[in-house]
Amino acid sequence: MLLGDGPTGSSVQLTFDGEDPEDYSIWDGQVKSSCHACAGTYDVVIAKMKKHRSVHVRFENGNAARFTLKGASKAIGKCVADFYR
C-alpha cells in the first residue's frame, strides 16, 4: 500500500539502493510465486530485499515511496516460493 492504495495494473517498479529501476510483473497486487517463471522472479525480489539497504517502490499510477530494508534479511528469513512447496 502506498498513500492508502494498493498497486493497480500489471507491474511495479522497484529501485534498490539507487540502482537502475526494474519492472516486475504483478497479479492482484502481488509478485506471485506459484508458477516456475513466477518463482524465479519472486526469488530475485526476495534476494534483493535481503541484500540491499533500501528500495524505492513505484506503482503504475505514479504513487511512490522509499523504504529502508534494515533488518529485512532477518525478518524475511527463509521465504520459499509457493512453486517449490
Protein backbone atom coordinates (compact mmCIF):
# COMPACT_ATOMS: atom_id res chain seq x y z
CA MET A 1 0.00 0.00 0.00
CA LEU A 2 1.20 3.48 -0.90
CA LEU A 3 -0.84 6.51 0.10
CA GLY A 4 -3.63 4.13 1.11
CA ASP A 5 -3.84 2.48 -2.32
CA GLY A 6 -2.61 -0.93 -3.42
CA PRO A 7 -0.89 -1.42 -6.75
CA THR A 8 -3.02 -1.48 -9.88
CA GLY A 9 -2.01 -2.56 -13.33
CA SER A 10 0.34 -5.36 -14.24
CA SER A 11 3.70 -4.21 -12.89
CA VAL A 12 5.51 -2.48 -10.06
CA GLN A 13 8.84 -0.71 -10.40
CA LEU A 14 11.50 -1.40 -7.76
CA THR A 15 14.78 0.50 -7.45
CA PHE A 16 17.24 -0.95 -4.96
CA ASP A 17 19.88 1.38 -3.43
CA GLY A 18 19.64 3.82 -6.34
CA GLU A 19 20.46 1.20 -8.99
CA ASP A 20 18.60 1.13 -12.28
CA PRO A 21 14.83 0.71 -11.83
CA GLU A 22 13.41 -2.72 -12.63
CA ASP A 23 9.80 -3.56 -13.52
CA TYR A 24 8.28 -6.69 -12.02
CA SER A 25 5.01 -8.30 -13.10
CA ILE A 26 2.24 -8.43 -10.51
CA TRP A 27 -1.14 -10.17 -10.37
CA ASP A 28 -3.81 -8.99 -7.96
CA GLY A 29 -1.25 -6.60 -6.49
CA GLN A 30 1.33 -9.29 -5.71
CA VAL A 31 4.52 -10.79 -7.11
CA LYS A 32 3.20 -14.33 -7.50
CA SER A 33 5.32 -17.39 -6.77
CA SER A 34 3.12 -20.32 -7.78
CA CYS A 35 4.47 -20.98 -11.30
CA HIS A 36 8.05 -21.71 -12.34
CA ALA A 37 8.69 -18.34 -14.00
CA CYS A 38 6.87 -16.53 -11.17
CA ALA A 39 9.01 -18.33 -8.58
CA GLY A 40 12.16 -17.16 -10.34
CA THR A 41 11.04 -13.55 -10.22
CA TYR A 42 9.92 -13.94 -6.60
CA ASP A 43 13.32 -15.38 -5.64
CA VAL A 44 15.10 -12.43 -7.29
CA VAL A 45 12.95 -9.87 -5.43
CA ILE A 46 13.42 -11.65 -2.08
CA ALA A 47 17.20 -11.89 -2.59
CA LYS A 48 17.41 -8.18 -3.44
CA MET A 49 15.34 -7.24 -0.39
CA LYS A 50 17.73 -9.21 1.81
CA LYS A 51 20.87 -7.77 0.17
CA HIS A 52 20.13 -4.06 -0.22
CA ARG A 53 19.70 -1.16 2.22
CA SER A 54 16.64 0.50 0.65
CA VAL A 55 14.01 0.10 -2.04
CA HIS A 56 12.05 2.73 -3.94
CA VAL A 57 8.63 1.39 -4.95
CA ARG A 58 6.64 2.98 -7.79
CA PHE A 59 3.16 1.91 -8.86
CA GLU A 60 1.87 2.41 -12.40
CA ASN A 61 -0.43 5.22 -11.16
CA GLY A 62 2.66 7.20 -10.10
CA ASN A 63 2.40 6.63 -6.33
CA ALA A 64 5.90 6.06 -4.98
CA ALA A 65 7.83 5.78 -1.72
CA ARG A 66 11.27 4.75 -0.47
CA PHE A 67 11.58 2.17 2.30
CA THR A 68 14.51 1.09 4.42
CA LEU A 69 15.40 -2.59 4.25
CA LYS A 70 17.26 -2.52 7.56
CA GLY A 71 16.52 -5.83 9.29
CA ALA A 72 14.76 -7.23 6.21
CA SER A 73 17.03 -10.25 5.84
CA LYS A 74 16.32 -11.41 9.38
CA ALA A 75 12.60 -10.59 9.13
CA ILE A 76 12.19 -12.39 5.79
CA GLY A 77 14.21 -15.42 6.87
CA LYS A 78 13.82 -18.41 4.60
CA CYS A 79 10.91 -17.41 2.39
CA VAL A 80 10.20 -20.17 -0.15
CA ALA A 81 8.20 -19.59 -3.32
CA ASP A 82 4.88 -21.47 -3.49
CA PHE A 83 6.05 -23.29 -6.62
CA TYR A 84 8.71 -25.18 -4.61
CA ARG A 85 6.37 -26.32 -1.81
